[in-house]
C-alpha cells in the first residue's frame, strides 16, 4: 500500500495489473483530451456566453472551433432544423452505469488469453 504516492511499474505487454478495490475509480482513457478541449467553442457560442475567456482563446487556438453554415456544406435549408428533419427526438435519457464487473481467473494461460481478447475487443486496453 502506498500512502499518498504513485508507483511506476514497467512490464512487457501483454500484462494484467490488479488494483485494490478501495482505489479511486479509473478515469476514462481520453480524460486528458476531454479536459484539454473543455472550453472549445464556436464564435456563436462565445457570443452567447457571459464569461470572457478571450485571453484563453488567443493563447490556445485549438479551442476556436470552426463553425459551418448551410451554404458552407452546400446544404438545403429546407432540410435543416426541426421542420426539415426526417426524424424527431421523442425523449433523451441519461444512463448512469453503477455496477462494476469483476472476474476471478484460475491463472491458466487460456483464461488469461480470453480475458486479454475481451479487453482488447471492448477497447478497455489497446
N, C-alpha and C. Protein backbone atom coordinates (compact mmCIF):
# COMPACT_ATOMS: atom_id res chain seq x y z
N UNK A 1 0.86 -1.18 0.00
CA UNK A 1 0.00 0.00 0.00
C UNK A 1 0.90 1.23 0.00
N UNK A 2 0.64 2.15 -0.90
CA UNK A 2 1.43 3.37 -1.00
C UNK A 2 0.61 4.51 -0.42
N UNK A 3 1.12 5.17 0.58
CA UNK A 3 0.39 6.27 1.22
C UNK A 3 0.67 7.56 0.48
N UNK A 4 -0.34 8.09 -0.23
CA UNK A 4 -0.23 9.39 -0.88
C UNK A 4 0.82 9.47 -1.97
N UNK A 5 1.14 8.37 -2.60
CA UNK A 5 2.17 8.39 -3.62
C UNK A 5 1.76 7.68 -4.88
N UNK A 6 2.70 7.59 -5.79
CA UNK A 6 2.48 6.93 -7.07
C UNK A 6 3.57 5.88 -7.25
N UNK A 7 3.18 4.74 -7.72
CA UNK A 7 4.15 3.69 -8.01
C UNK A 7 4.18 3.49 -9.52
N UNK A 8 5.35 3.61 -10.12
CA UNK A 8 5.50 3.41 -11.55
C UNK A 8 6.11 2.03 -11.77
N UNK A 9 5.45 1.23 -12.59
CA UNK A 9 5.88 -0.14 -12.84
C UNK A 9 6.02 -0.32 -14.34
N UNK A 10 7.09 -0.98 -14.77
CA UNK A 10 7.28 -1.29 -16.18
C UNK A 10 7.21 -2.80 -16.35
N UNK A 11 6.54 -3.22 -17.44
CA UNK A 11 6.42 -4.66 -17.71
C UNK A 11 6.20 -4.84 -19.20
N UNK A 12 6.63 -5.97 -19.75
CA UNK A 12 6.37 -6.23 -21.17
C UNK A 12 4.89 -6.53 -21.39
N UNK A 13 4.38 -6.19 -22.56
CA UNK A 13 2.98 -6.47 -22.89
C UNK A 13 2.86 -7.86 -23.47
N UNK A 14 1.79 -8.56 -23.28
CA UNK A 14 0.60 -8.19 -22.52
C UNK A 14 0.86 -8.31 -21.03
N UNK A 15 0.19 -7.49 -20.24
CA UNK A 15 0.34 -7.51 -18.80
C UNK A 15 -1.03 -7.31 -18.16
N UNK A 16 -1.27 -7.94 -17.06
CA UNK A 16 -2.50 -7.75 -16.30
C UNK A 16 -2.11 -7.10 -14.98
N UNK A 17 -2.78 -6.01 -14.66
CA UNK A 17 -2.49 -5.27 -13.44
C UNK A 17 -3.73 -5.28 -12.56
N UNK A 18 -3.55 -5.60 -11.31
CA UNK A 18 -4.69 -5.58 -10.38
C UNK A 18 -4.53 -4.39 -9.45
N UNK A 19 -5.67 -3.84 -9.05
CA UNK A 19 -5.68 -2.68 -8.17
C UNK A 19 -6.60 -3.00 -7.01
N UNK A 20 -6.23 -2.57 -5.83
CA UNK A 20 -7.04 -2.78 -4.64
C UNK A 20 -8.42 -2.18 -4.84
N UNK A 21 -9.44 -2.85 -4.34
CA UNK A 21 -10.82 -2.40 -4.50
C UNK A 21 -11.11 -1.05 -3.87
N UNK A 22 -10.28 -0.60 -2.93
CA UNK A 22 -10.51 0.70 -2.30
C UNK A 22 -9.90 1.84 -3.10
N UNK A 23 -9.24 1.53 -4.21
CA UNK A 23 -8.63 2.57 -5.04
C UNK A 23 -9.71 3.42 -5.70
N UNK A 24 -9.34 4.64 -6.03
CA UNK A 24 -10.28 5.54 -6.72
C UNK A 24 -10.62 4.95 -8.08
N UNK A 25 -11.82 5.21 -8.60
CA UNK A 25 -12.18 4.69 -9.92
C UNK A 25 -11.25 5.22 -11.00
N UNK A 26 -11.01 4.41 -12.01
CA UNK A 26 -10.14 4.82 -13.11
C UNK A 26 -10.81 5.92 -13.93
N UNK A 27 -9.99 6.83 -14.42
CA UNK A 27 -10.50 7.85 -15.33
C UNK A 27 -10.65 7.23 -16.71
N UNK A 28 -11.56 7.75 -17.52
CA UNK A 28 -11.64 7.28 -18.90
C UNK A 28 -10.31 7.54 -19.60
N UNK A 29 -9.97 6.72 -20.58
CA UNK A 29 -8.66 6.85 -21.20
C UNK A 29 -8.50 8.15 -21.97
N UNK A 30 -9.59 8.83 -22.30
CA UNK A 30 -9.47 10.09 -23.01
C UNK A 30 -9.74 11.29 -22.10
N UNK A 31 -9.61 11.11 -20.80
CA UNK A 31 -9.92 12.18 -19.84
C UNK A 31 -9.06 13.42 -20.06
N UNK A 32 -7.78 13.24 -20.39
CA UNK A 32 -6.91 14.40 -20.61
C UNK A 32 -7.37 15.20 -21.82
N UNK A 33 -7.79 14.51 -22.89
CA UNK A 33 -8.29 15.23 -24.06
C UNK A 33 -9.59 15.96 -23.76
N UNK A 34 -10.45 15.34 -22.98
CA UNK A 34 -11.71 15.98 -22.61
C UNK A 34 -11.41 17.27 -21.85
N UNK A 35 -10.47 17.22 -20.92
CA UNK A 35 -10.11 18.41 -20.16
C UNK A 35 -9.45 19.45 -21.06
N UNK A 36 -8.61 19.00 -22.00
CA UNK A 36 -7.91 19.94 -22.89
C UNK A 36 -8.89 20.76 -23.71
N UNK A 37 -9.96 20.13 -24.21
CA UNK A 37 -10.91 20.81 -25.09
C UNK A 37 -12.19 21.24 -24.36
N UNK A 38 -12.16 21.28 -23.05
CA UNK A 38 -13.33 21.60 -22.25
C UNK A 38 -13.94 22.95 -22.61
N UNK A 39 -13.12 23.93 -22.92
CA UNK A 39 -13.61 25.28 -23.21
C UNK A 39 -13.68 25.57 -24.72
N UNK A 40 -13.54 24.57 -25.57
CA UNK A 40 -13.61 24.78 -27.02
C UNK A 40 -15.02 25.23 -27.40
N UNK A 41 -15.10 26.29 -28.22
CA UNK A 41 -16.40 26.84 -28.60
C UNK A 41 -16.34 27.43 -30.00
N UNK A 42 -17.50 27.54 -30.62
CA UNK A 42 -17.63 28.24 -31.89
C UNK A 42 -17.79 29.73 -31.60
N UNK A 43 -17.70 30.56 -32.65
CA UNK A 43 -17.88 32.00 -32.48
C UNK A 43 -19.26 32.33 -31.92
N UNK A 44 -20.28 31.62 -32.39
CA UNK A 44 -21.65 31.86 -31.91
C UNK A 44 -21.77 31.53 -30.43
N UNK A 45 -21.19 30.42 -30.00
CA UNK A 45 -21.25 30.03 -28.59
C UNK A 45 -20.53 31.05 -27.71
N UNK A 46 -19.39 31.57 -28.20
CA UNK A 46 -18.65 32.56 -27.42
C UNK A 46 -19.46 33.84 -27.25
N UNK A 47 -20.22 34.23 -28.27
CA UNK A 47 -21.06 35.43 -28.18
C UNK A 47 -22.19 35.24 -27.17
N UNK A 48 -22.71 34.02 -27.07
CA UNK A 48 -23.82 33.74 -26.16
C UNK A 48 -23.37 33.64 -24.70
N UNK A 49 -22.10 33.29 -24.49
CA UNK A 49 -21.59 33.15 -23.12
C UNK A 49 -21.36 34.51 -22.49
N UNK A 50 -21.62 34.60 -21.21
CA UNK A 50 -21.36 35.83 -20.47
C UNK A 50 -19.92 35.88 -19.96
N UNK A 51 -19.24 34.74 -19.96
CA UNK A 51 -17.87 34.69 -19.45
C UNK A 51 -16.90 35.15 -20.52
N UNK A 52 -15.85 35.85 -20.10
CA UNK A 52 -14.87 36.36 -21.05
C UNK A 52 -13.58 35.54 -20.94
N UNK A 53 -13.37 34.69 -21.92
CA UNK A 53 -12.16 33.88 -21.97
C UNK A 53 -11.30 34.28 -23.17
N UNK A 54 -11.36 35.55 -23.60
CA UNK A 54 -10.67 35.96 -24.82
C UNK A 54 -9.17 35.68 -24.76
N UNK A 55 -8.54 35.88 -23.59
CA UNK A 55 -7.11 35.57 -23.48
C UNK A 55 -6.85 34.09 -23.71
N UNK A 56 -7.71 33.25 -23.17
CA UNK A 56 -7.57 31.80 -23.33
C UNK A 56 -7.67 31.41 -24.80
N UNK A 57 -8.64 31.97 -25.52
CA UNK A 57 -8.82 31.63 -26.93
C UNK A 57 -7.70 32.19 -27.80
N UNK A 58 -7.11 33.31 -27.40
CA UNK A 58 -5.98 33.86 -28.15
C UNK A 58 -4.72 33.03 -27.95
N UNK A 59 -4.52 32.52 -26.75
CA UNK A 59 -3.33 31.72 -26.45
C UNK A 59 -3.44 30.29 -26.98
N UNK A 60 -4.66 29.75 -27.00
CA UNK A 60 -4.86 28.35 -27.39
C UNK A 60 -5.80 28.29 -28.58
N UNK A 61 -5.22 28.42 -29.76
CA UNK A 61 -6.01 28.49 -30.99
C UNK A 61 -6.86 27.24 -31.21
N UNK A 62 -6.43 26.09 -30.69
CA UNK A 62 -7.19 24.85 -30.89
C UNK A 62 -8.55 24.88 -30.20
N UNK A 63 -8.80 25.86 -29.33
CA UNK A 63 -10.10 25.98 -28.68
C UNK A 63 -11.12 26.71 -29.54
N UNK A 64 -10.67 27.33 -30.63
CA UNK A 64 -11.56 28.05 -31.54
C UNK A 64 -12.09 27.08 -32.58
N UNK A 65 -13.33 26.66 -32.42
CA UNK A 65 -13.94 25.70 -33.34
C UNK A 65 -14.50 26.41 -34.56
N UNK A 66 -14.26 25.83 -35.73
CA UNK A 66 -14.79 26.39 -36.98
C UNK A 66 -16.27 26.07 -37.06
N UNK A 67 -17.05 27.07 -37.39
CA UNK A 67 -18.50 26.90 -37.49
C UNK A 67 -18.90 26.95 -38.96
N UNK A 68 -19.61 25.94 -39.42
CA UNK A 68 -20.05 25.87 -40.81
C UNK A 68 -21.53 26.22 -40.91
N UNK A 69 -21.87 26.90 -41.98
CA UNK A 69 -23.27 27.22 -42.23
C UNK A 69 -23.82 26.26 -43.29
N UNK A 70 -25.09 26.38 -43.58
CA UNK A 70 -25.73 25.54 -44.60
C UNK A 70 -25.05 25.76 -45.94
N UNK A 71 -24.72 27.00 -46.27
CA UNK A 71 -24.07 27.29 -47.56
C UNK A 71 -22.66 26.73 -47.61
N UNK A 72 -21.96 26.69 -46.48
CA UNK A 72 -20.59 26.14 -46.45
C UNK A 72 -20.56 24.67 -46.84
N UNK A 73 -21.62 23.93 -46.55
CA UNK A 73 -21.66 22.50 -46.85
C UNK A 73 -22.60 22.18 -48.02
N UNK A 74 -22.99 23.23 -48.77
CA UNK A 74 -23.90 23.07 -49.91
C UNK A 74 -25.17 22.32 -49.51
N UNK A 75 -25.71 22.69 -48.37
CA UNK A 75 -26.91 22.03 -47.87
C UNK A 75 -28.18 22.70 -48.35
N UNK A 76 -29.28 22.03 -48.14
CA UNK A 76 -30.60 22.55 -48.49
C UNK A 76 -31.25 23.05 -47.21
N UNK A 77 -31.52 24.36 -47.15
CA UNK A 77 -32.09 24.96 -45.95
C UNK A 77 -33.43 24.33 -45.58
N UNK A 78 -34.16 23.84 -46.57
CA UNK A 78 -35.47 23.22 -46.31
C UNK A 78 -35.32 21.91 -45.53
N UNK A 79 -34.13 21.29 -45.58
CA UNK A 79 -33.90 20.03 -44.87
C UNK A 79 -33.22 20.25 -43.52
N UNK A 80 -33.08 21.49 -43.10
CA UNK A 80 -32.39 21.79 -41.84
C UNK A 80 -33.38 22.15 -40.75
N UNK A 81 -32.95 22.00 -39.52
CA UNK A 81 -33.79 22.35 -38.39
C UNK A 81 -34.86 21.32 -38.12
N UNK A 82 -35.70 21.60 -37.16
CA UNK A 82 -36.74 20.67 -36.75
C UNK A 82 -37.72 20.38 -37.88
N UNK A 83 -38.13 21.41 -38.60
CA UNK A 83 -39.12 21.20 -39.67
C UNK A 83 -38.56 20.39 -40.83
N UNK A 84 -37.26 20.47 -41.08
CA UNK A 84 -36.67 19.74 -42.20
C UNK A 84 -36.13 18.38 -41.85
N UNK A 85 -36.19 18.01 -40.59
CA UNK A 85 -35.62 16.74 -40.16
C UNK A 85 -36.55 15.57 -40.48
N UNK A 86 -36.01 14.48 -41.04
CA UNK A 86 -36.84 13.31 -41.31
C UNK A 86 -37.17 12.53 -40.03
N UNK A 87 -36.46 12.81 -38.95
CA UNK A 87 -36.73 12.14 -37.68
C UNK A 87 -36.91 13.17 -36.58
N UNK A 88 -37.62 12.81 -35.54
CA UNK A 88 -37.84 13.69 -34.40
C UNK A 88 -37.40 12.95 -33.13
N UNK A 89 -36.69 13.64 -32.25
CA UNK A 89 -36.26 13.05 -30.98
C UNK A 89 -37.43 13.13 -30.01
N UNK A 90 -37.86 11.98 -29.54
CA UNK A 90 -39.00 11.93 -28.63
C UNK A 90 -38.58 12.17 -27.18
N UNK A 91 -37.46 11.58 -26.77
CA UNK A 91 -37.01 11.74 -25.39
C UNK A 91 -35.51 11.48 -25.32
N UNK A 92 -34.88 12.07 -24.33
CA UNK A 92 -33.46 11.87 -24.07
C UNK A 92 -33.33 11.37 -22.64
N UNK A 93 -32.56 10.31 -22.46
CA UNK A 93 -32.36 9.76 -21.12
C UNK A 93 -30.87 9.73 -20.81
N UNK A 94 -30.53 10.10 -19.60
CA UNK A 94 -29.16 9.95 -19.12
C UNK A 94 -29.06 8.60 -18.44
N UNK A 95 -28.09 7.82 -18.87
CA UNK A 95 -27.89 6.48 -18.30
C UNK A 95 -26.60 6.50 -17.50
N UNK A 96 -26.68 6.08 -16.26
CA UNK A 96 -25.51 6.01 -15.39
C UNK A 96 -25.25 4.55 -15.05
N UNK A 97 -24.06 4.09 -15.40
CA UNK A 97 -23.68 2.72 -15.08
C UNK A 97 -23.07 2.72 -13.68
N UNK A 98 -23.63 1.92 -12.79
CA UNK A 98 -23.12 1.90 -11.43
C UNK A 98 -22.51 0.56 -11.04
N UNK A 99 -22.96 -0.51 -11.64
CA UNK A 99 -22.44 -1.82 -11.28
C UNK A 99 -21.05 -1.99 -11.87
N UNK A 100 -20.15 -2.55 -11.09
CA UNK A 100 -18.80 -2.83 -11.58
C UNK A 100 -18.67 -4.33 -11.73
N UNK A 101 -18.04 -4.71 -12.82
CA UNK A 101 -17.90 -6.13 -13.13
C UNK A 101 -16.56 -6.64 -12.61
N UNK A 102 -16.54 -7.86 -12.14
CA UNK A 102 -15.27 -8.47 -11.76
C UNK A 102 -15.27 -9.91 -12.21
N UNK A 103 -14.08 -10.42 -12.41
CA UNK A 103 -13.92 -11.82 -12.82
C UNK A 103 -12.82 -12.44 -11.97
N UNK A 104 -12.98 -13.70 -11.67
CA UNK A 104 -11.96 -14.45 -10.96
C UNK A 104 -11.39 -15.48 -11.92
N UNK A 105 -10.08 -15.43 -12.10
CA UNK A 105 -9.42 -16.35 -13.02
C UNK A 105 -8.60 -17.35 -12.22
N UNK A 106 -8.46 -18.53 -12.78
CA UNK A 106 -7.66 -19.56 -12.12
C UNK A 106 -6.18 -19.34 -12.39
N UNK A 107 -5.87 -18.53 -13.40
CA UNK A 107 -4.47 -18.28 -13.73
C UNK A 107 -3.99 -19.10 -14.91
N UNK A 108 -4.87 -19.89 -15.51
CA UNK A 108 -4.45 -20.69 -16.66
C UNK A 108 -4.21 -19.76 -17.86
N UNK A 109 -3.31 -20.18 -18.74
CA UNK A 109 -2.98 -19.38 -19.91
C UNK A 109 -4.20 -19.12 -20.78
N UNK A 110 -5.07 -20.10 -20.92
CA UNK A 110 -6.24 -19.93 -21.78
C UNK A 110 -7.21 -18.88 -21.22
N UNK A 111 -7.40 -18.86 -19.90
CA UNK A 111 -8.28 -17.86 -19.29
C UNK A 111 -7.70 -16.46 -19.44
N UNK A 112 -6.40 -16.34 -19.22
CA UNK A 112 -5.74 -15.03 -19.37
C UNK A 112 -5.83 -14.57 -20.81
N UNK A 113 -5.63 -15.48 -21.75
CA UNK A 113 -5.72 -15.13 -23.17
C UNK A 113 -7.13 -14.67 -23.53
N UNK A 114 -8.15 -15.35 -23.03
CA UNK A 114 -9.54 -14.94 -23.30
C UNK A 114 -9.84 -13.57 -22.70
N UNK A 115 -9.33 -13.32 -21.49
CA UNK A 115 -9.54 -12.01 -20.87
C UNK A 115 -8.87 -10.92 -21.69
N UNK A 116 -7.66 -11.16 -22.16
CA UNK A 116 -6.95 -10.17 -22.98
C UNK A 116 -7.72 -9.89 -24.26
N UNK A 117 -8.25 -10.92 -24.90
CA UNK A 117 -9.04 -10.73 -26.12
C UNK A 117 -10.27 -9.89 -25.84
N UNK A 118 -10.93 -10.17 -24.72
CA UNK A 118 -12.14 -9.42 -24.35
C UNK A 118 -11.81 -7.95 -24.07
N UNK A 119 -10.73 -7.69 -23.33
CA UNK A 119 -10.34 -6.32 -23.02
C UNK A 119 -9.94 -5.55 -24.27
N UNK A 120 -9.29 -6.22 -25.21
CA UNK A 120 -8.94 -5.57 -26.47
C UNK A 120 -10.17 -5.32 -27.32
N UNK A 121 -11.10 -6.27 -27.34
CA UNK A 121 -12.30 -6.14 -28.17
C UNK A 121 -13.19 -4.99 -27.71
N UNK A 122 -13.31 -4.78 -26.40
CA UNK A 122 -14.17 -3.68 -25.93
C UNK A 122 -13.38 -2.40 -25.66
N UNK A 123 -12.13 -2.34 -26.12
CA UNK A 123 -11.27 -1.16 -26.06
C UNK A 123 -10.98 -0.69 -24.63
N UNK A 124 -11.01 -1.62 -23.68
CA UNK A 124 -10.58 -1.28 -22.33
C UNK A 124 -9.08 -1.05 -22.33
N UNK A 125 -8.36 -1.84 -23.12
CA UNK A 125 -6.93 -1.65 -23.34
C UNK A 125 -6.68 -1.67 -24.84
N UNK A 126 -5.51 -1.17 -25.23
CA UNK A 126 -5.12 -1.23 -26.64
C UNK A 126 -5.73 -0.24 -27.54
